[in-house]
């Protein structure tokens, strides 16, 4: 039996002590921003402030094996026993453990980064400045939440690149929303979105129930995913969670990027992004100037045996090896080889500078 009876009022549980000053600050803000004319107008609150909770940053960066989650889970359950009907965590870094905590507790847990991004977006804010610990930066707490907010994909890539975060720079200048990336498994210049996606949150349009698919459940392939199948026809992607590499990892093996850097090695994601943008702008039309369907055609995938036979007949065929005994053929080269590059039918045409693109 809860010690505090919620009755008609919800009871906020503050999972504090992470550290104590943040808990006090949140409590003071709640008091200051509640339009109360008497004590009874304020929110019912119970606070747990276990300052001895193991250091979150030390655990995240690998300097400690003491998992703070175990203490946080225990304190969360204690708050529920005291009558809390919803929990808040006044610590950015502690949201590294949010998914585990939300799954372990029987009441909703507010996600501060997600709510912050949503409020900023509603206010028209395009860029956020965050004062953060090393743990928050390494956990990429706000990077993940921004990806969930449904921003323009290229805005998300630019956001990461400007902060020196590796992992998305090869996907610069791809139009569309971040939430559409997991459906198509967008890719360019040696990188696919599936390599960065950890999970996709959806809404079932038929039942209105939320569901979450881990990356393995998304059944990713070349420009394909489970979201294109009949079984997922009712699923609406509402957010995508990405995980960026924490170490220096430039992808420049793609032929055109390799030609740009030659023997040099880029030192920042900005260098790679600028090279990708330069290549794309030379090959692809700006939709604002020439309406187009982008890279419309998929590169055919064949067996390595088929690739070998084709190369015997056409040594100039452009192709790339894939895993699993397969190979990818360059669709642009094939279209150009049969004389379709630049062909026009009325206002529709195959772009004369890149055969993969349909323009209007």
Protein backbone atom coordinates (compact mmCIF):
# COMPACT_ATOMS: atom_id res chain seq x y z
CA UNK A 1 0.00 0.00 0.00
CA UNK A 2 1.58 3.35 -0.99
CA UNK A 3 2.34 5.61 1.94
CA UNK A 4 1.09 8.59 -0.09
CA UNK A 5 -2.30 8.07 -1.70
CA UNK A 6 -2.39 9.71 -5.15
CA UNK A 7 -6.15 10.24 -5.12
CA UNK A 8 -7.13 12.63 -7.88
CA UNK A 9 -3.66 14.23 -7.93
CA UNK A 10 -0.67 12.61 -9.62
CA UNK A 11 2.40 12.24 -7.46
CA UNK A 12 5.77 13.13 -8.93
CA UNK A 13 8.73 11.05 -7.83
CA UNK A 14 12.14 12.69 -8.23
CA UNK A 15 14.97 10.19 -8.63
CA UNK A 16 17.56 12.51 -7.15
CA UNK A 17 21.00 12.56 -5.64
CA UNK A 18 22.50 12.53 -9.15
CA UNK A 19 23.81 14.93 -7.85
CA UNK A 20 21.96 16.52 -4.95
CA UNK A 21 22.17 20.09 -6.30
CA UNK A 22 20.31 19.10 -9.49
CA UNK A 23 17.51 17.61 -7.37
CA UNK A 24 17.22 20.79 -5.32
CA UNK A 25 17.24 22.93 -8.45
CA UNK A 26 14.42 20.92 -10.04
CA UNK A 27 12.37 21.12 -6.85
CA UNK A 28 12.87 24.89 -6.69
CA UNK A 29 11.90 25.26 -10.36
CA UNK A 30 8.72 23.27 -9.77
CA UNK A 31 7.79 25.59 -6.92
CA UNK A 32 8.66 28.72 -8.87
CA UNK A 33 6.73 27.69 -12.00
CA UNK A 34 3.60 26.33 -10.34
CA UNK A 35 0.81 28.95 -10.33
CA UNK A 36 -0.11 28.28 -6.71
CA UNK A 37 -2.02 30.59 -4.39
CA UNK A 38 -1.76 28.23 -1.39
CA UNK A 39 0.22 25.17 -0.31
CA UNK A 40 -2.48 22.82 -1.57
CA UNK A 41 -2.06 24.11 -5.14
CA UNK A 42 1.46 22.67 -5.37
CA UNK A 43 2.37 19.29 -6.83
CA UNK A 44 2.61 16.30 -4.51
CA UNK A 45 6.26 15.22 -4.68
CA UNK A 46 8.41 12.50 -3.14
CA UNK A 47 12.17 12.73 -3.50
CA UNK A 48 14.88 10.12 -3.26
CA UNK A 49 18.34 11.63 -2.94
CA UNK A 50 20.90 8.86 -2.74
CA UNK A 51 24.15 10.77 -3.25
CA UNK A 52 26.10 7.52 -2.87
CA UNK A 53 24.80 6.27 -6.25
CA UNK A 54 27.87 5.13 -8.25
CA UNK A 55 29.31 7.74 -10.58
CA UNK A 56 27.44 7.71 -13.89
CA UNK A 57 30.18 9.23 -16.03
CA UNK A 58 32.85 6.90 -14.65
CA UNK A 59 30.72 3.90 -15.57
CA UNK A 60 29.85 5.20 -19.05
CA UNK A 61 33.46 6.00 -20.01
CA UNK A 62 34.67 2.64 -18.67
CA UNK A 63 36.55 3.85 -15.58
CA UNK A 64 34.26 2.01 -13.17
CA UNK A 65 32.42 -1.31 -13.15
CA UNK A 66 29.88 -0.16 -10.54
CA UNK A 67 26.59 0.01 -12.47
CA UNK A 68 24.50 2.96 -11.24
CA UNK A 69 21.38 1.42 -12.75
CA UNK A 70 21.05 -1.11 -9.93
CA UNK A 71 20.74 1.68 -7.35
CA UNK A 72 18.54 3.80 -9.60
CA UNK A 73 16.16 0.88 -10.14
CA UNK A 74 15.94 0.25 -6.39
CA UNK A 75 15.27 3.92 -5.65
CA UNK A 76 12.69 4.11 -8.46
CA UNK A 77 10.77 1.21 -6.96
CA UNK A 78 10.95 2.85 -3.54
CA UNK A 79 9.43 6.04 -4.96
CA UNK A 80 6.61 4.01 -6.50
CA UNK A 81 6.01 2.35 -3.12
CA UNK A 82 5.70 5.82 -1.62
CA UNK A 83 2.95 6.66 -4.08
CA UNK A 84 4.75 8.17 -7.07
CA UNK A 85 2.71 7.85 -10.26
CA UNK A 86 5.34 9.34 -12.57
CA UNK A 87 9.11 9.75 -12.18
CA UNK A 88 11.58 12.42 -13.25
CA UNK A 89 15.39 12.24 -13.33
CA UNK A 90 17.07 15.66 -12.92
CA UNK A 91 20.34 14.48 -14.47
CA UNK A 92 21.25 14.45 -18.17
CA UNK A 93 23.95 11.82 -17.78
CA UNK A 94 21.63 9.44 -15.91
CA UNK A 95 19.43 9.23 -19.02
CA UNK A 96 22.04 6.83 -20.40
CA UNK A 97 20.12 4.27 -18.31
CA UNK A 98 16.66 5.52 -19.32
CA UNK A 99 15.55 2.57 -21.46
CA UNK A 100 16.47 0.03 -18.79
CA UNK A 101 14.83 2.07 -16.06
CA UNK A 102 11.61 2.68 -18.00
CA UNK A 103 11.32 -1.05 -18.69
CA UNK A 104 11.92 -1.98 -15.04
CA UNK A 105 9.39 0.37 -13.39
CA UNK A 106 5.56 0.13 -13.37
CA UNK A 107 4.99 3.88 -13.80
CA UNK A 108 5.96 6.31 -16.61
CA UNK A 109 9.42 7.85 -16.47
CA UNK A 110 9.76 11.31 -18.02
CA UNK A 111 12.57 11.58 -20.55
CA UNK A 112 14.18 14.98 -20.01
CA UNK A 113 16.26 15.10 -23.24
CA UNK A 114 13.29 14.05 -25.35
CA UNK A 115 10.99 16.61 -23.73
CA UNK A 116 13.67 19.31 -24.04
CA UNK A 117 14.07 18.69 -27.77
CA UNK A 118 10.29 18.62 -28.27
CA UNK A 119 9.85 21.95 -26.46
CA UNK A 120 12.74 23.53 -28.36
CA UNK A 121 11.35 22.33 -31.66
CA UNK A 122 7.85 23.63 -30.81
CA UNK A 123 9.43 27.01 -30.06
CA UNK A 124 11.09 27.08 -33.48
CA UNK A 125 14.61 26.43 -32.17
CA UNK A 126 16.90 24.91 -34.83
CA UNK A 127 20.02 24.43 -32.73
CA UNK A 128 20.51 23.57 -29.05
CA UNK A 129 23.46 24.36 -26.83
CA UNK A 130 23.94 21.77 -24.09
CA UNK A 131 26.25 22.00 -21.06
CA UNK A 132 27.13 18.37 -20.50
CA UNK A 133 29.43 15.94 -18.71
CA UNK A 134 31.80 13.66 -20.59
CA UNK A 135 29.33 10.85 -19.84
CA UNK A 136 26.48 12.72 -21.52
CA UNK A 137 28.62 13.40 -24.60
CA UNK A 138 29.88 9.84 -24.88
CA UNK A 139 26.40 8.44 -24.29
CA UNK A 140 25.20 10.76 -27.10
CA UNK A 141 22.03 11.40 -25.10
CA UNK A 142 20.95 14.52 -26.96
CA UNK A 143 22.24 13.30 -30.30
CA UNK A 144 19.86 10.34 -30.06
CA UNK A 145 16.98 12.48 -28.91
CA UNK A 146 17.44 14.95 -31.76
CA UNK A 147 17.24 12.08 -34.24
CA UNK A 148 13.93 11.14 -32.68
CA UNK A 149 12.52 14.65 -33.15
CA UNK A 150 11.81 14.19 -36.88
CA UNK A 151 14.20 16.86 -38.10
CA UNK A 152 15.30 17.14 -41.71
CA UNK A 153 17.86 14.40 -42.30
CA UNK A 154 20.52 16.74 -43.63
CA UNK A 155 20.00 19.10 -40.67
CA UNK A 156 20.73 16.16 -38.38
CA UNK A 157 23.87 15.25 -40.33
CA UNK A 158 25.05 18.87 -40.29
CA UNK A 159 24.34 19.08 -36.55
CA UNK A 160 26.58 16.08 -35.91
CA UNK A 161 29.31 17.20 -38.29
CA UNK A 162 29.53 20.70 -36.78
CA UNK A 163 30.18 19.11 -33.38
CA UNK A 164 32.91 16.81 -34.62
CA UNK A 165 30.74 13.69 -34.25
CA UNK A 166 31.67 10.92 -36.67
CA UNK A 167 29.29 8.54 -38.33
CA UNK A 168 26.80 10.39 -40.57
CA UNK A 169 28.99 12.60 -42.75
CA UNK A 170 28.85 10.27 -45.77
CA UNK A 171 25.07 10.73 -45.81
CA UNK A 172 25.22 14.51 -46.28
CA UNK A 173 22.72 16.29 -48.57
CA UNK A 174 20.21 13.42 -48.69
CA UNK A 175 16.76 15.08 -48.72
CA UNK A 176 13.87 14.00 -46.50
CA UNK A 177 13.08 13.51 -42.83
CA UNK A 178 15.14 11.54 -40.33
CA UNK A 179 12.11 9.35 -39.68
CA UNK A 180 12.09 8.23 -43.32
CA UNK A 181 15.70 7.01 -43.23
CA UNK A 182 14.92 3.60 -41.67
CA UNK A 183 12.23 2.81 -44.25
CA UNK A 184 14.46 3.15 -47.31
CA UNK A 185 17.70 2.32 -45.51
CA UNK A 186 19.22 5.34 -47.19
CA UNK A 187 22.84 5.08 -48.15
CA UNK A 188 25.60 6.85 -50.02
CA UNK A 189 29.37 6.76 -50.47
CA UNK A 190 30.01 3.54 -48.60
CA UNK A 191 27.58 3.93 -45.69
CA UNK A 192 24.00 2.83 -45.03
CA UNK A 193 21.65 4.12 -42.35
CA UNK A 194 21.23 0.59 -41.00
CA UNK A 195 24.81 0.74 -39.75
CA UNK A 196 23.89 3.60 -37.40
CA UNK A 197 20.31 2.68 -36.44
CA UNK A 198 19.81 0.91 -33.11
CA UNK A 199 16.01 0.93 -32.96
CA UNK A 200 12.93 2.40 -34.62
CA UNK A 201 9.86 3.53 -32.68
CA UNK A 202 6.54 3.17 -34.50
CA UNK A 203 2.82 3.61 -34.10
CA UNK A 204 0.43 0.94 -35.37
CA UNK A 205 -2.16 2.93 -37.33
CA UNK A 206 -4.70 0.14 -36.95
CA UNK A 207 -4.50 -0.41 -33.18
CA UNK A 208 -2.90 2.95 -32.20
CA UNK A 209 -0.45 0.95 -30.09
CA UNK A 210 3.24 1.96 -29.99
CA UNK A 211 5.91 -0.58 -30.81
CA UNK A 212 9.70 -0.60 -30.99
CA UNK A 213 11.78 -2.58 -33.49
CA UNK A 214 15.44 -3.26 -32.82
CA UNK A 215 17.76 -2.99 -35.79
CA UNK A 216 17.84 -6.77 -36.25
CA UNK A 217 14.05 -6.83 -36.46
CA UNK A 218 14.11 -4.21 -39.24
CA UNK A 219 15.43 -6.83 -41.70
CA UNK A 220 17.64 -4.37 -43.52
CA UNK A 221 18.98 -5.00 -46.98
CA UNK A 222 20.08 -2.85 -49.89
CA UNK A 223 17.51 0.01 -49.94
CA UNK A 224 15.01 -2.26 -48.25
CA UNK A 225 13.54 -2.90 -44.81
CA UNK A 226 10.67 -4.67 -43.12
CA UNK A 227 8.77 -1.37 -43.27
CA UNK A 228 8.27 -1.93 -47.00
CA UNK A 229 6.61 -5.30 -46.44
CA UNK A 230 2.90 -6.05 -46.24
CA UNK A 231 3.20 -7.14 -42.61
CA UNK A 232 4.29 -3.61 -41.63
CA UNK A 233 1.86 -1.73 -43.85
CA UNK A 234 0.10 -0.29 -40.79
CA UNK A 235 3.27 0.90 -39.04
CA UNK A 236 4.08 4.60 -38.98
CA UNK A 237 7.68 5.45 -38.08
CA UNK A 238 7.63 8.18 -35.45
CA UNK A 239 11.28 8.18 -34.36
CA UNK A 240 14.61 6.59 -35.12
CA UNK A 241 17.45 6.15 -32.64
CA UNK A 242 20.98 6.29 -34.02
CA UNK A 243 24.25 5.31 -32.41
CA UNK A 244 27.34 7.12 -33.64
CA UNK A 245 30.84 5.65 -33.32
CA UNK A 246 32.86 7.00 -30.43
CA UNK A 247 36.19 6.65 -32.23
CA UNK A 248 37.74 8.16 -35.35
CA UNK A 249 36.27 6.16 -38.24
CA UNK A 250 36.31 7.89 -41.66
CA UNK A 251 34.73 6.00 -44.58
CA UNK A 252 36.59 7.06 -47.71
CA UNK A 253 37.06 3.80 -49.63
CA UNK A 254 34.27 4.68 -52.07
CA UNK A 255 35.88 5.37 -55.45
CA UNK A 256 34.98 9.05 -55.74
CA UNK A 257 35.87 9.83 -52.12
CA UNK A 258 39.13 7.92 -52.40
CA UNK A 259 40.03 10.07 -55.40
CA UNK A 260 39.41 13.24 -53.38
CA UNK A 261 41.62 12.25 -50.45
CA UNK A 262 44.20 10.15 -52.33
CA UNK A 263 46.83 9.25 -49.72
CA UNK A 264 45.62 11.83 -47.21
CA UNK A 265 43.46 10.91 -44.23
CA UNK A 266 40.67 13.30 -43.18
CA UNK A 267 41.00 14.52 -39.62
CA UNK A 268 37.42 15.71 -39.08
CA UNK A 269 33.95 14.63 -40.22
CA UNK A 270 33.59 18.11 -41.74
CA UNK A 271 36.29 17.26 -44.31
CA UNK A 272 34.41 14.14 -45.40
CA UNK A 273 31.05 15.94 -45.43
CA UNK A 274 32.43 18.74 -47.61
CA UNK A 275 33.88 16.21 -50.05
CA UNK A 276 30.56 14.34 -50.23
CA UNK A 277 28.64 17.58 -50.79
CA UNK A 278 31.02 18.65 -53.54
CA UNK A 279 30.63 15.30 -55.34
CA UNK A 280 26.85 15.29 -54.97
CA UNK A 281 26.45 18.87 -56.22
CA UNK A 282 28.45 18.05 -59.34
CA UNK A 283 26.33 14.98 -60.08
CA UNK A 284 22.86 15.66 -58.67
CA UNK A 285 20.49 18.54 -59.44
CA UNK A 286 19.21 20.83 -56.71
CA UNK A 287 15.45 20.09 -56.31
CA UNK A 288 14.86 23.81 -55.77
CA UNK A 289 16.23 24.53 -59.25
CA UNK A 290 15.31 21.36 -61.15
CA UNK A 291 12.54 19.16 -59.66
CA UNK A 292 13.69 15.55 -59.53
CA UNK A 293 13.13 12.14 -57.97
CA UNK A 294 16.71 11.83 -56.77
CA UNK A 295 18.65 8.63 -57.34
CA UNK A 296 15.61 6.74 -58.51
CA UNK A 297 17.16 3.47 -59.69
CA UNK A 298 18.62 0.73 -57.50
CA UNK A 299 21.93 -0.90 -58.29
CA UNK A 300 21.23 -4.53 -59.33
CA UNK A 301 22.68 -7.17 -57.00
CA UNK A 302 23.90 -10.40 -58.59
CA UNK A 303 25.99 -13.40 -57.58
CA UNK A 304 29.75 -13.21 -57.89
CA UNK A 305 29.51 -15.92 -60.57
CA UNK A 306 27.12 -13.77 -62.59
CA UNK A 307 29.41 -10.78 -62.10
CA UNK A 308 32.34 -12.77 -63.46
CA UNK A 309 30.39 -13.82 -66.55
CA UNK A 310 29.25 -10.24 -67.18
CA UNK A 311 32.81 -8.92 -66.87
CA UNK A 312 33.96 -11.48 -69.42
CA UNK A 313 31.46 -9.99 -71.91
CA UNK A 314 31.87 -6.35 -70.76
CA UNK A 315 35.25 -5.76 -69.08
CA UNK A 316 34.38 -2.07 -68.62
CA UNK A 317 31.31 -2.90 -66.45
CA UNK A 318 31.44 -1.04 -63.14
CA UNK A 319 30.68 -3.33 -60.19
CA UNK A 320 31.47 -3.67 -56.50
CA UNK A 321 31.89 -6.81 -54.35
CA UNK A 322 29.42 -7.45 -51.52
CA UNK A 323 29.36 -9.91 -48.67
CA UNK A 324 27.77 -13.33 -49.07
CA UNK A 325 29.13 -14.09 -52.53
CA UNK A 326 27.25 -11.21 -54.15
CA UNK A 327 28.17 -8.16 -56.21
CA UNK A 328 26.53 -4.81 -56.92
CA UNK A 329 26.35 -3.50 -60.47
CA UNK A 330 26.41 0.25 -61.11
CA UNK A 331 22.92 1.05 -62.40
CA UNK A 332 24.05 4.46 -63.65
CA UNK A 333 26.69 2.84 -65.84
CA UNK A 334 24.16 0.32 -67.19
CA UNK A 335 21.63 3.06 -68.05
CA UNK A 336 24.29 5.11 -69.77
CA UNK A 337 25.61 2.05 -71.63
CA UNK A 338 22.22 1.48 -73.30
CA UNK A 339 22.03 5.12 -74.35
CA UNK A 340 19.33 6.31 -71.93
CA UNK A 341 21.32 9.04 -70.20
CA UNK A 342 19.77 12.39 -71.14
CA UNK A 343 16.75 10.78 -72.84
CA UNK A 344 13.56 12.83 -72.54
CA UNK A 345 9.84 12.03 -72.80
CA UNK A 346 7.86 15.25 -72.59
CA UNK A 347 8.98 17.06 -69.45
CA UNK A 348 10.38 13.90 -67.84
CA UNK A 349 13.97 12.92 -68.50
CA UNK A 350 16.94 10.93 -67.36
CA UNK A 351 19.35 13.54 -66.02
CA UNK A 352 22.14 14.27 -68.48
CA UNK A 353 24.78 14.48 -65.73
CA UNK A 354 23.78 11.44 -63.67
CA UNK A 355 21.82 8.59 -65.23
CA UNK A 356 20.37 7.42 -61.90
CA UNK A 357 18.31 10.60 -61.54
CA UNK A 358 14.90 11.30 -63.05
CA UNK A 359 14.13 14.99 -63.58
CA UNK A 360 11.03 16.91 -64.55
